[in-house]
């Protein structure tokens, strides 16, 4: 029987506290949005299996990290092994946008990817729905300039986790870009599982 080709991708979401990282992840994975704000402590992750371009079966492991400074040191351990980094800012908060470069530099320093210059980043400007767009202070033009300066054709999406605007497209773009760097790390899973003679099939995690 032919083997199924499956790739495990690890995506890290970074950005200031309150920009909507958790809401974006929950909207993408669970298609749910909550108005209640609860700060992430340390890091949390969800997984979602998707098919990219009708041929690549991808299991996305999406890590949502704490945005508060006092928790940043806890998140460092989760950066390593990432295949893509999603940088999030609030279009209504200039400071959250200005801090993107700090998040980007910290990620590269702590994750130490093999090819830092070509590591895939994607930038999301969230909360476009707030006040009907009247309170936004970061223009799309300014965000695109940041992406251009970051190099490696860094994609940019303006999103609304509340209205599910561009959320699906953004994460699929992140997965697609991560796949470009994952050619040699694909995991092949057999269609059948061989059970040992005792009839038990134990599994565990480390």
N, C-alpha and C. Protein backbone atom coordinates (compact mmCIF):
# COMPACT_ATOMS: atom_id res chain seq x y z
N UNK A 1 0.84 -1.19 0.00
CA UNK A 1 0.00 0.00 0.00
C UNK A 1 0.88 1.25 0.00
N UNK A 2 0.45 2.28 -0.65
CA UNK A 2 1.24 3.50 -0.72
C UNK A 2 1.17 4.27 0.59
N UNK A 3 2.23 4.97 0.89
CA UNK A 3 2.28 5.74 2.13
C UNK A 3 1.62 7.09 1.94
N UNK A 4 1.01 7.56 3.02
CA UNK A 4 0.43 8.89 2.98
C UNK A 4 1.52 9.88 3.37
N UNK A 5 1.64 10.96 2.62
CA UNK A 5 2.65 11.96 2.92
C UNK A 5 2.04 13.04 3.82
N UNK A 6 2.61 13.18 4.99
CA UNK A 6 2.09 14.17 5.93
C UNK A 6 3.25 15.00 6.47
N UNK A 7 3.05 16.28 6.58
CA UNK A 7 4.08 17.18 7.09
C UNK A 7 3.59 17.85 8.35
N UNK A 8 4.42 17.86 9.37
CA UNK A 8 4.11 18.57 10.60
C UNK A 8 4.79 19.92 10.57
N UNK A 9 4.00 20.98 10.68
CA UNK A 9 4.53 22.34 10.66
C UNK A 9 4.28 23.00 12.00
N UNK A 10 5.30 23.66 12.51
CA UNK A 10 5.19 24.39 13.77
C UNK A 10 5.18 25.88 13.48
N UNK A 11 4.07 26.53 13.82
CA UNK A 11 3.92 27.97 13.62
C UNK A 11 3.91 28.68 14.97
N UNK A 12 4.67 29.75 15.08
CA UNK A 12 4.72 30.54 16.30
C UNK A 12 4.04 31.88 16.06
N UNK A 13 3.13 32.28 16.96
CA UNK A 13 2.47 33.58 16.85
C UNK A 13 3.07 34.52 17.88
N UNK A 14 3.62 35.65 17.42
CA UNK A 14 4.24 36.61 18.32
C UNK A 14 3.63 38.00 18.15
N UNK A 15 3.68 38.78 19.20
CA UNK A 15 3.15 40.14 19.15
C UNK A 15 2.84 40.63 20.55
N UNK A 16 2.59 41.91 20.68
CA UNK A 16 2.30 42.49 21.98
C UNK A 16 1.04 41.89 22.60
N UNK A 17 0.93 42.04 23.89
CA UNK A 17 -0.26 41.59 24.61
C UNK A 17 -1.48 42.34 24.13
N UNK A 18 -2.57 41.62 23.89
CA UNK A 18 -3.83 42.25 23.53
C UNK A 18 -4.06 42.50 22.06
N UNK A 19 -3.13 42.08 21.18
CA UNK A 19 -3.33 42.32 19.75
C UNK A 19 -4.26 41.30 19.10
N UNK A 20 -4.56 40.21 19.82
CA UNK A 20 -5.51 39.23 19.30
C UNK A 20 -4.90 37.93 18.84
N UNK A 21 -3.73 37.57 19.35
CA UNK A 21 -3.06 36.33 18.92
C UNK A 21 -3.91 35.11 19.23
N UNK A 22 -4.41 35.03 20.46
CA UNK A 22 -5.23 33.88 20.87
C UNK A 22 -6.52 33.83 20.06
N UNK A 23 -7.13 34.98 19.84
CA UNK A 23 -8.39 35.04 19.09
C UNK A 23 -8.19 34.58 17.65
N UNK A 24 -7.08 34.96 17.05
CA UNK A 24 -6.79 34.54 15.67
C UNK A 24 -6.62 33.03 15.60
N UNK A 25 -5.88 32.47 16.56
CA UNK A 25 -5.67 31.02 16.58
C UNK A 25 -6.98 30.27 16.78
N UNK A 26 -7.80 30.73 17.73
CA UNK A 26 -9.07 30.07 17.99
C UNK A 26 -10.04 30.19 16.82
N UNK A 27 -10.01 31.33 16.15
CA UNK A 27 -10.88 31.51 15.00
C UNK A 27 -10.47 30.57 13.87
N UNK A 28 -9.17 30.44 13.66
CA UNK A 28 -8.69 29.58 12.58
C UNK A 28 -8.93 28.10 12.87
N UNK A 29 -8.60 27.66 14.08
CA UNK A 29 -8.69 26.24 14.41
C UNK A 29 -10.12 25.81 14.76
N UNK A 30 -10.79 26.61 15.61
CA UNK A 30 -12.10 26.21 16.12
C UNK A 30 -13.27 26.98 15.52
N UNK A 31 -12.96 27.98 14.69
CA UNK A 31 -13.99 28.85 14.10
C UNK A 31 -14.86 29.47 15.18
N UNK A 32 -14.22 29.91 16.25
CA UNK A 32 -14.93 30.54 17.35
C UNK A 32 -14.25 31.84 17.76
N UNK A 33 -15.05 32.79 18.26
CA UNK A 33 -14.50 34.05 18.75
C UNK A 33 -15.14 34.39 20.08
N UNK A 34 -14.31 34.79 21.05
CA UNK A 34 -14.82 35.18 22.36
C UNK A 34 -14.46 36.63 22.63
N UNK A 35 -15.42 37.39 23.14
CA UNK A 35 -15.18 38.80 23.47
C UNK A 35 -14.39 38.96 24.76
N UNK A 36 -14.35 37.90 25.56
CA UNK A 36 -13.64 37.96 26.83
C UNK A 36 -12.14 37.87 26.60
N UNK A 37 -11.39 38.77 27.22
CA UNK A 37 -9.93 38.76 27.08
C UNK A 37 -9.29 38.07 28.27
N UNK A 38 -8.43 37.11 27.96
CA UNK A 38 -7.69 36.41 29.00
C UNK A 38 -6.25 36.28 28.53
N UNK A 39 -5.33 36.90 29.25
CA UNK A 39 -3.93 36.90 28.84
C UNK A 39 -3.35 35.48 28.85
N UNK A 40 -2.58 35.17 27.83
CA UNK A 40 -1.92 33.89 27.76
C UNK A 40 -0.73 33.88 28.71
N UNK A 41 -0.60 32.82 29.50
CA UNK A 41 0.52 32.67 30.42
C UNK A 41 1.48 31.64 29.83
N UNK A 42 2.70 32.07 29.54
CA UNK A 42 3.65 31.14 28.94
C UNK A 42 3.33 30.93 27.48
N UNK A 43 2.79 29.75 27.17
CA UNK A 43 2.42 29.44 25.79
C UNK A 43 1.37 28.35 25.76
N UNK A 44 0.61 28.33 24.69
CA UNK A 44 -0.42 27.32 24.49
C UNK A 44 -0.41 26.98 23.01
N UNK A 45 -0.91 25.80 22.63
CA UNK A 45 -0.95 25.50 21.22
C UNK A 45 -2.19 24.67 20.85
N UNK A 46 -2.58 24.80 19.60
CA UNK A 46 -3.66 24.02 19.03
C UNK A 46 -3.15 23.40 17.73
N UNK A 47 -3.76 22.32 17.31
CA UNK A 47 -3.36 21.70 16.05
C UNK A 47 -4.54 21.64 15.09
N UNK A 48 -4.22 21.70 13.83
CA UNK A 48 -5.25 21.61 12.79
C UNK A 48 -4.66 20.92 11.57
N UNK A 49 -5.38 19.98 11.04
CA UNK A 49 -4.93 19.27 9.84
C UNK A 49 -5.62 19.88 8.62
N UNK A 50 -4.83 20.29 7.67
CA UNK A 50 -5.37 20.93 6.47
C UNK A 50 -4.66 20.38 5.23
N UNK A 51 -5.31 20.53 4.11
CA UNK A 51 -4.71 20.14 2.84
C UNK A 51 -4.37 21.42 2.08
N UNK A 52 -3.10 21.58 1.76
CA UNK A 52 -2.62 22.79 1.08
C UNK A 52 -2.44 22.49 -0.41
N UNK A 53 -3.06 23.32 -1.24
CA UNK A 53 -2.96 23.18 -2.70
C UNK A 53 -3.41 21.81 -3.18
N UNK A 54 -4.36 21.21 -2.46
CA UNK A 54 -4.98 19.94 -2.85
C UNK A 54 -4.01 18.78 -2.95
N UNK A 55 -2.82 18.91 -2.36
CA UNK A 55 -1.88 17.80 -2.46
C UNK A 55 -1.07 17.55 -1.19
N UNK A 56 -0.83 18.58 -0.42
CA UNK A 56 -0.02 18.43 0.79
C UNK A 56 -0.90 18.33 2.03
N UNK A 57 -0.85 17.17 2.70
CA UNK A 57 -1.58 17.00 3.95
C UNK A 57 -0.70 17.53 5.07
N UNK A 58 -1.15 18.59 5.71
CA UNK A 58 -0.33 19.29 6.69
C UNK A 58 -1.00 19.29 8.05
N UNK A 59 -0.23 18.92 9.07
CA UNK A 59 -0.69 19.06 10.44
C UNK A 59 -0.02 20.31 11.00
N UNK A 60 -0.81 21.33 11.25
CA UNK A 60 -0.27 22.59 11.74
C UNK A 60 -0.35 22.63 13.27
N UNK A 61 0.80 22.84 13.88
CA UNK A 61 0.88 23.00 15.34
C UNK A 61 1.11 24.49 15.57
N UNK A 62 0.08 25.17 16.04
CA UNK A 62 0.13 26.62 16.16
C UNK A 62 0.34 27.01 17.62
N UNK A 63 1.47 27.67 17.88
CA UNK A 63 1.83 28.07 19.24
C UNK A 63 1.48 29.53 19.48
N UNK A 64 0.70 29.76 20.50
CA UNK A 64 0.28 31.10 20.91
C UNK A 64 1.09 31.47 22.14
N UNK A 65 1.93 32.49 22.03
CA UNK A 65 2.83 32.84 23.13
C UNK A 65 2.38 34.10 23.85
N UNK A 66 2.82 34.23 25.09
CA UNK A 66 2.46 35.39 25.90
C UNK A 66 3.10 36.65 25.36
N UNK A 67 2.34 37.75 25.38
CA UNK A 67 2.85 39.02 24.87
C UNK A 67 3.42 39.92 25.94
N UNK A 68 3.13 39.63 27.23
CA UNK A 68 3.64 40.48 28.30
C UNK A 68 5.14 40.25 28.50
N UNK A 69 5.85 41.30 28.80
CA UNK A 69 7.30 41.20 28.96
C UNK A 69 7.70 40.20 30.04
N UNK A 70 6.93 40.11 31.12
CA UNK A 70 7.34 39.23 32.21
C UNK A 70 7.22 37.75 31.86
N UNK A 71 6.52 37.46 30.75
CA UNK A 71 6.38 36.07 30.33
C UNK A 71 7.24 35.73 29.11
N UNK A 72 7.90 36.74 28.53
CA UNK A 72 8.63 36.49 27.29
C UNK A 72 9.72 35.45 27.45
N UNK A 73 10.39 35.43 28.61
CA UNK A 73 11.46 34.46 28.81
C UNK A 73 10.94 33.03 28.83
N UNK A 74 9.66 32.87 29.19
CA UNK A 74 9.06 31.54 29.20
C UNK A 74 8.82 31.03 27.79
N UNK A 75 8.62 31.97 26.87
CA UNK A 75 8.29 31.56 25.51
C UNK A 75 9.47 31.17 24.67
N UNK A 76 10.67 31.55 25.11
CA UNK A 76 11.86 31.29 24.31
C UNK A 76 12.01 29.82 23.96
N UNK A 77 11.76 28.94 24.92
CA UNK A 77 11.92 27.51 24.69
C UNK A 77 10.99 27.00 23.59
N UNK A 78 9.90 27.70 23.35
CA UNK A 78 8.93 27.25 22.36
C UNK A 78 9.27 27.72 20.95
N UNK A 79 10.22 28.65 20.81
CA UNK A 79 10.57 29.17 19.49
C UNK A 79 11.31 28.15 18.64
N UNK A 80 12.16 27.36 19.27
CA UNK A 80 13.02 26.45 18.52
C UNK A 80 12.20 25.41 17.76
N UNK A 81 12.66 25.14 16.56
CA UNK A 81 11.98 24.15 15.73
C UNK A 81 10.82 24.71 14.94
N UNK A 82 10.61 26.02 15.04
CA UNK A 82 9.49 26.63 14.31
C UNK A 82 9.76 26.64 12.81
N UNK A 83 8.71 26.47 12.03
CA UNK A 83 8.82 26.49 10.57
C UNK A 83 8.35 27.81 9.98
N UNK A 84 7.62 28.59 10.77
CA UNK A 84 7.13 29.89 10.32
C UNK A 84 6.78 30.72 11.54
N UNK A 85 6.96 32.03 11.45
CA UNK A 85 6.63 32.92 12.55
C UNK A 85 5.59 33.93 12.08
N UNK A 86 4.48 34.01 12.81
CA UNK A 86 3.41 34.94 12.48
C UNK A 86 3.49 36.13 13.43
N UNK A 87 3.79 37.30 12.89
CA UNK A 87 3.90 38.52 13.69
C UNK A 87 2.57 39.27 13.63
N UNK A 88 2.01 39.57 14.79
CA UNK A 88 0.68 40.20 14.85
C UNK A 88 0.76 41.57 15.52
N UNK A 89 0.08 42.55 14.93
CA UNK A 89 -0.07 43.87 15.55
C UNK A 89 -1.53 44.28 15.46
N UNK A 90 -1.89 45.29 16.23
CA UNK A 90 -3.25 45.84 16.25
C UNK A 90 -3.23 47.11 15.39
N UNK A 91 -4.04 47.15 14.34
CA UNK A 91 -4.03 48.31 13.44
C UNK A 91 -4.44 49.59 14.16
N UNK A 92 -5.00 49.45 15.38
CA UNK A 92 -5.43 50.60 16.16
C UNK A 92 -4.41 50.97 17.25
N UNK A 93 -3.26 50.32 17.22
CA UNK A 93 -2.25 50.53 18.26
C UNK A 93 -0.87 50.68 17.61
N UNK A 94 -0.40 51.93 17.52
CA UNK A 94 0.88 52.21 16.86
C UNK A 94 2.04 51.49 17.54
N UNK A 95 2.03 51.44 18.85
CA UNK A 95 3.14 50.82 19.58
C UNK A 95 3.26 49.33 19.24
N UNK A 96 2.13 48.66 19.10
CA UNK A 96 2.17 47.22 18.78
C UNK A 96 2.80 46.99 17.42
N UNK A 97 2.62 47.96 16.52
CA UNK A 97 3.24 47.86 15.20
C UNK A 97 4.73 48.14 15.27
N UNK A 98 5.10 49.17 16.04
CA UNK A 98 6.51 49.53 16.18
C UNK A 98 7.32 48.40 16.83
N UNK A 99 6.66 47.59 17.65
CA UNK A 99 7.36 46.51 18.35
C UNK A 99 7.57 45.26 17.49
N UNK A 100 7.02 45.24 16.29
CA UNK A 100 7.15 44.05 15.44
C UNK A 100 8.62 43.70 15.18
N UNK A 101 9.43 44.71 14.91
CA UNK A 101 10.84 44.43 14.62
C UNK A 101 11.53 43.83 15.84
N UNK A 102 11.15 44.27 17.04
CA UNK A 102 11.73 43.69 18.25
C UNK A 102 11.36 42.21 18.38
N UNK A 103 10.09 41.90 18.09
CA UNK A 103 9.65 40.51 18.15
C UNK A 103 10.38 39.67 17.10
N UNK A 104 10.55 40.24 15.92
CA UNK A 104 11.22 39.52 14.84
C UNK A 104 12.67 39.23 15.21
N UNK A 105 13.36 40.23 15.74
CA UNK A 105 14.77 40.06 16.09
C UNK A 105 14.93 39.08 17.25
N UNK A 106 14.01 39.15 18.22
CA UNK A 106 14.09 38.23 19.35
C UNK A 106 13.87 36.79 18.89
N UNK A 107 12.91 36.62 17.98
CA UNK A 107 12.65 35.27 17.49
C UNK A 107 13.89 34.69 16.81
N UNK A 108 14.51 35.47 15.91
CA UNK A 108 15.67 34.99 15.18
C UNK A 108 16.83 34.69 16.13
N UNK A 109 16.97 35.51 17.17
CA UNK A 109 18.06 35.30 18.13
C UNK A 109 17.85 34.04 18.95
N UNK A 110 16.61 33.79 19.36
CA UNK A 110 16.33 32.66 20.24
C UNK A 110 16.10 31.35 19.47
N UNK A 111 15.45 31.43 18.32
CA UNK A 111 15.14 30.22 17.55
C UNK A 111 16.35 29.73 16.77
N UNK A 112 17.24 30.67 16.40
CA UNK A 112 18.45 30.33 15.64
C UNK A 112 18.17 29.43 14.44
N UNK A 113 17.28 29.86 13.50
CA UNK A 113 17.01 29.04 12.33
C UNK A 113 18.25 28.89 11.46
N UNK A 114 18.35 27.77 10.73
CA UNK A 114 19.53 27.48 9.92
C UNK A 114 19.78 28.57 8.88
N UNK A 115 18.68 29.07 8.28
CA UNK A 115 18.80 30.10 7.24
C UNK A 115 17.96 31.30 7.66
N UNK A 116 18.52 32.15 8.52
CA UNK A 116 17.77 33.27 9.08
C UNK A 116 17.28 34.23 8.01
N UNK A 117 18.08 34.46 6.98
CA UNK A 117 17.72 35.44 5.95
C UNK A 117 16.48 35.01 5.16
N UNK A 118 16.28 33.72 5.02
CA UNK A 118 15.15 33.22 4.24
C UNK A 118 14.05 32.59 5.09
N UNK A 119 14.15 32.75 6.40
CA UNK A 119 13.12 32.15 7.27
C UNK A 119 11.78 32.84 7.00
N UNK A 120 10.70 32.06 6.84
CA UNK A 120 9.39 32.64 6.51
C UNK A 120 8.69 33.33 7.68
N UNK A 121 8.44 34.62 7.50
CA UNK A 121 7.61 35.40 8.43
C UNK A 121 6.35 35.81 7.69
N UNK A 122 5.28 36.05 8.45
CA UNK A 122 4.06 36.61 7.87
C UNK A 122 3.54 37.63 8.88
N UNK A 123 3.06 38.76 8.39
CA UNK A 123 2.61 39.85 9.28
C UNK A 123 1.10 40.02 9.17
N UNK A 124 0.44 40.07 10.32
CA UNK A 124 -1.01 40.24 10.36
C UNK A 124 -1.38 41.52 11.11
N UNK A 125 -2.14 42.39 10.46
CA UNK A 125 -2.68 43.58 11.11
C UNK A 125 -4.09 43.27 11.55
N UNK A 126 -4.29 43.03 12.83
CA UNK A 126 -5.56 42.54 13.34
C UNK A 126 -6.47 43.67 13.85
N UNK A 127 -7.72 43.31 14.11
CA UNK A 127 -8.75 44.20 14.66
C UNK A 127 -9.17 45.30 13.68
N UNK A 128 -9.26 44.95 12.40
CA UNK A 128 -9.71 45.93 11.40
C UNK A 128 -11.18 46.28 11.58
N UNK A 129 -11.91 45.48 12.36
CA UNK A 129 -13.35 45.72 12.56
C UNK A 129 -13.62 46.79 13.61
N UNK A 130 -12.64 47.09 14.44
CA UNK A 130 -12.86 47.99 15.58
C UNK A 130 -13.32 49.38 15.15
N UNK A 131 -14.42 49.81 15.74
CA UNK A 131 -14.99 51.15 15.46
C UNK A 131 -15.23 51.38 13.98
N UNK A 132 -15.52 50.30 13.28
CA UNK A 132 -15.79 50.43 11.85
C UNK A 132 -14.60 50.95 11.07
N UNK A 133 -13.41 50.75 11.63
CA UNK A 133 -12.20 51.20 10.95
C UNK A 133 -11.83 52.64 11.25
N UNK A 134 -12.63 53.33 12.08
CA UNK A 134 -12.39 54.75 12.36
C UNK A 134 -11.22 54.98 13.32
N UNK A 135 -10.88 53.97 14.13
CA UNK A 135 -9.84 54.19 15.15
C UNK A 135 -8.46 53.67 14.73
N UNK A 136 -8.35 53.20 13.51
CA UNK A 136 -7.06 52.66 13.08
C UNK A 136 -6.02 53.77 12.92
N UNK A 137 -4.78 53.43 13.29
CA UNK A 137 -3.69 54.40 13.21
C UNK A 137 -2.53 53.89 12.35
N UNK A 138 -2.55 52.60 12.03
CA UNK A 138 -1.49 52.02 11.21
C UNK A 138 -2.05 51.73 9.82
N UNK A 139 -1.55 52.44 8.83
CA UNK A 139 -2.05 52.25 7.47
C UNK A 139 -1.48 50.98 6.85
N UNK A 140 -2.17 50.45 5.87
CA UNK A 140 -1.69 49.26 5.18
C UNK A 140 -0.37 49.56 4.46
N UNK A 141 -0.26 50.79 3.95
CA UNK A 141 0.97 51.19 3.25
C UNK A 141 2.18 51.11 4.18
N UNK A 142 2.02 51.56 5.42
CA UNK A 142 3.11 51.53 6.39
C UNK A 142 3.50 50.07 6.70
N UNK A 143 2.50 49.22 6.83
CA UNK A 143 2.76 47.81 7.13
C UNK A 143 3.47 47.12 5.97
N UNK A 144 3.07 47.45 4.75
CA UNK A 144 3.71 46.86 3.57
C UNK A 144 5.16 47.31 3.46
N UNK A 145 5.44 48.54 3.88
CA UNK A 145 6.82 49.04 3.87
C UNK A 145 7.67 48.24 4.86
N UNK A 146 7.10 47.92 6.01
CA UNK A 146 7.81 47.11 7.00
C UNK A 146 8.11 45.73 6.42
N UNK A 147 7.13 45.14 5.76
CA UNK A 147 7.31 43.80 5.19
C UNK A 147 8.38 43.81 4.10
N UNK A 148 8.39 44.86 3.29
CA UNK A 148 9.38 44.96 2.22
C UNK A 148 10.78 45.10 2.80
N UNK A 149 10.91 45.85 3.88
CA UNK A 149 12.21 46.05 4.51
C UNK A 149 12.70 44.78 5.20
N UNK A 150 11.74 43.92 5.58
CA UNK A 150 12.11 42.68 6.28
C UNK A 150 12.70 41.65 5.32
N UNK A 151 12.47 41.83 4.03
CA UNK A 151 13.03 40.92 3.04
C UNK A 151 12.24 39.64 2.89
N UNK A 152 12.71 38.78 1.99
CA UNK A 152 12.12 37.45 1.76
C UNK A 152 10.64 37.51 1.43
N UNK A 153 10.20 38.60 0.80
CA UNK A 153 8.80 38.73 0.35
C UNK A 153 7.82 38.38 1.46
N UNK A 154 7.99 39.02 2.60
CA UNK A 154 7.15 38.76 3.77
C UNK A 154 5.70 39.15 3.49
N UNK A 155 4.76 38.19 3.49
CA UNK A 155 3.36 38.49 3.20
C UNK A 155 2.70 39.30 4.32
N UNK A 156 1.67 40.06 3.95
CA UNK A 156 0.94 40.86 4.93
C UNK A 156 -0.56 40.69 4.70
N UNK A 157 -1.29 40.51 5.80
CA UNK A 157 -2.75 40.41 5.74
C UNK A 157 -3.35 41.31 6.80
N UNK A 158 -4.43 42.00 6.45
CA UNK A 158 -5.21 42.71 7.45
C UNK A 158 -6.36 41.81 7.84
N UNK A 159 -6.49 41.55 9.14
CA UNK A 159 -7.42 40.54 9.61
C UNK A 159 -8.38 41.07 10.68
N UNK A 160 -9.45 40.32 10.86
CA UNK A 160 -10.36 40.54 11.98
C UNK A 160 -10.73 39.16 12.51
N UNK A 161 -10.21 38.84 13.71
CA UNK A 161 -10.54 37.56 14.31
C UNK A 161 -12.04 37.51 14.64
N UNK A 162 -12.61 38.65 14.98
CA UNK A 162 -14.02 38.71 15.34
C UNK A 162 -14.92 38.39 14.15
N UNK A 163 -14.60 38.96 13.00
CA UNK A 163 -15.43 38.77 11.81
C UNK A 163 -14.89 37.68 10.89
N UNK A 164 -13.83 37.02 11.31
CA UNK A 164 -13.19 35.96 10.50
C UNK A 164 -12.80 36.49 9.13
N UNK A 165 -12.21 37.67 9.12
CA UNK A 165 -11.79 38.29 7.86
C UNK A 165 -10.32 37.99 7.58
N UNK A 166 -10.06 37.29 6.50
CA UNK A 166 -8.70 36.94 6.05
C UNK A 166 -7.95 35.99 6.97
N UNK A 167 -8.60 35.47 8.01
CA UNK A 167 -7.91 34.60 8.96
C UNK A 167 -7.49 33.28 8.30
N UNK A 168 -8.42 32.64 7.61
CA UNK A 168 -8.12 31.36 6.96
C UNK A 168 -7.03 31.54 5.92
N UNK A 169 -7.16 32.58 5.10
CA UNK A 169 -6.17 32.83 4.04
C UNK A 169 -4.78 33.09 4.63
N UNK A 170 -4.74 33.82 5.73
CA UNK A 170 -3.46 34.18 6.33
C UNK A 170 -2.71 32.94 6.83
N UNK A 171 -3.40 32.07 7.55
CA UNK A 171 -2.74 30.89 8.09
C UNK A 171 -2.37 29.89 6.99
N UNK A 172 -3.18 29.80 5.97
CA UNK A 172 -2.84 28.91 4.87
C UNK A 172 -1.63 29.44 4.11
N UNK A 173 -1.52 30.75 4.02
CA UNK A 173 -0.34 31.36 3.40
C UNK A 173 0.90 31.06 4.24
N UNK A 174 0.75 31.13 5.56
CA UNK A 174 1.86 30.82 6.46
C UNK A 174 2.30 29.37 6.27
N UNK A 175 1.33 28.47 6.17
CA UNK A 175 1.66 27.05 5.98
C UNK A 175 2.33 26.82 4.64
N UNK A 176 1.84 27.50 3.62
CA UNK A 176 2.40 27.34 2.27
C UNK A 176 3.86 27.81 2.23
N UNK A 177 4.14 28.94 2.88
CA UNK A 177 5.50 29.45 2.91
C UNK A 177 6.42 28.55 3.74
N UNK A 178 5.88 28.00 4.83
CA UNK A 178 6.67 27.10 5.66
C UNK A 178 7.01 25.82 4.91
N UNK A 179 6.08 25.35 4.09
CA UNK A 179 6.30 24.13 3.33
C UNK A 179 7.48 24.25 2.37
N UNK A 180 7.73 25.45 1.89
CA UNK A 180 8.83 25.66 0.95
C UNK A 180 10.17 25.31 1.60
N UNK A 181 10.23 25.47 2.90
CA UNK A 181 11.47 25.18 3.62
C UNK A 181 11.46 23.80 4.28
N UNK A 182 10.38 23.04 4.05
CA UNK A 182 10.22 21.77 4.73
C UNK A 182 10.38 20.56 3.82
N UNK A 183 10.87 20.75 2.61
CA UNK A 183 10.92 19.67 1.63
C UNK A 183 11.65 18.45 2.15
N UNK A 184 12.74 18.67 2.90
CA UNK A 184 13.55 17.54 3.34
C UNK A 184 13.12 16.98 4.68
N UNK A 185 12.06 17.52 5.27
CA UNK A 185 11.67 17.07 6.60
C UNK A 185 10.25 16.50 6.63
N UNK A 186 9.81 15.98 5.50
CA UNK A 186 8.47 15.41 5.45
C UNK A 186 8.42 14.10 6.23
N UNK A 187 7.31 13.85 6.86
CA UNK A 187 7.14 12.63 7.64
C UNK A 187 6.24 11.69 6.87
N UNK A 188 6.69 10.46 6.69
CA UNK A 188 5.89 9.48 5.96
C UNK A 188 5.26 8.51 6.95
N UNK A 189 3.95 8.43 6.91
CA UNK A 189 3.22 7.56 7.81
C UNK A 189 2.58 6.42 7.02
N UNK A 190 2.78 5.17 7.43
CA UNK A 190 2.17 4.04 6.71
C UNK A 190 0.67 4.03 6.90
N UNK A 191 -0.03 3.41 5.93
CA UNK A 191 -1.49 3.31 6.03
C UNK A 191 -1.92 2.33 7.09
N UNK A 192 -1.05 1.36 7.39
CA UNK A 192 -1.40 0.33 8.38
C UNK A 192 -0.46 0.41 9.56
N UNK A 193 -0.96 0.04 10.74
CA UNK A 193 -0.16 0.02 11.96
C UNK A 193 0.08 -1.43 12.35
N UNK A 194 1.33 -1.80 12.52
CA UNK A 194 1.67 -3.17 12.90
C UNK A 194 1.62 -3.29 14.41
N UNK A 195 0.77 -4.20 14.90
CA UNK A 195 0.63 -4.41 16.34
C UNK A 195 1.54 -5.56 16.74
N UNK A 196 2.22 -5.45 17.89
CA UNK A 196 3.11 -6.53 18.29
C UNK A 196 2.34 -7.79 18.66
N UNK A 197 3.06 -8.88 18.83
CA UNK A 197 2.44 -10.19 19.00
C UNK A 197 1.56 -10.29 20.22
N UNK A 198 1.84 -9.50 21.25
CA UNK A 198 1.04 -9.59 22.45
C UNK A 198 -0.34 -8.95 22.28
N UNK A 199 -0.49 -8.23 21.16
CA UNK A 199 -1.78 -7.62 20.86
C UNK A 199 -1.94 -6.24 21.41
N UNK A 200 -0.92 -5.77 22.13
CA UNK A 200 -1.01 -4.42 22.69
C UNK A 200 -0.40 -3.42 21.74
N UNK A 201 -0.90 -2.23 21.80
CA UNK A 201 -0.37 -1.16 20.96
C UNK A 201 -0.26 0.08 21.82
N UNK A 202 0.82 0.13 22.58
CA UNK A 202 0.98 1.22 23.54
C UNK A 202 1.57 2.45 22.87
N UNK A 203 1.16 3.57 23.36
CA UNK A 203 1.70 4.81 22.87
C UNK A 203 1.90 5.75 24.04
N UNK A 204 2.80 6.66 23.88
CA UNK A 204 3.05 7.61 24.94
C UNK A 204 3.74 8.84 24.39
N UNK A 205 4.01 9.78 25.25
CA UNK A 205 4.71 10.95 24.81
C UNK A 205 5.80 11.29 25.81
N UNK A 206 6.77 12.00 25.32
CA UNK A 206 7.87 12.36 26.21
C UNK A 206 7.79 13.84 26.52
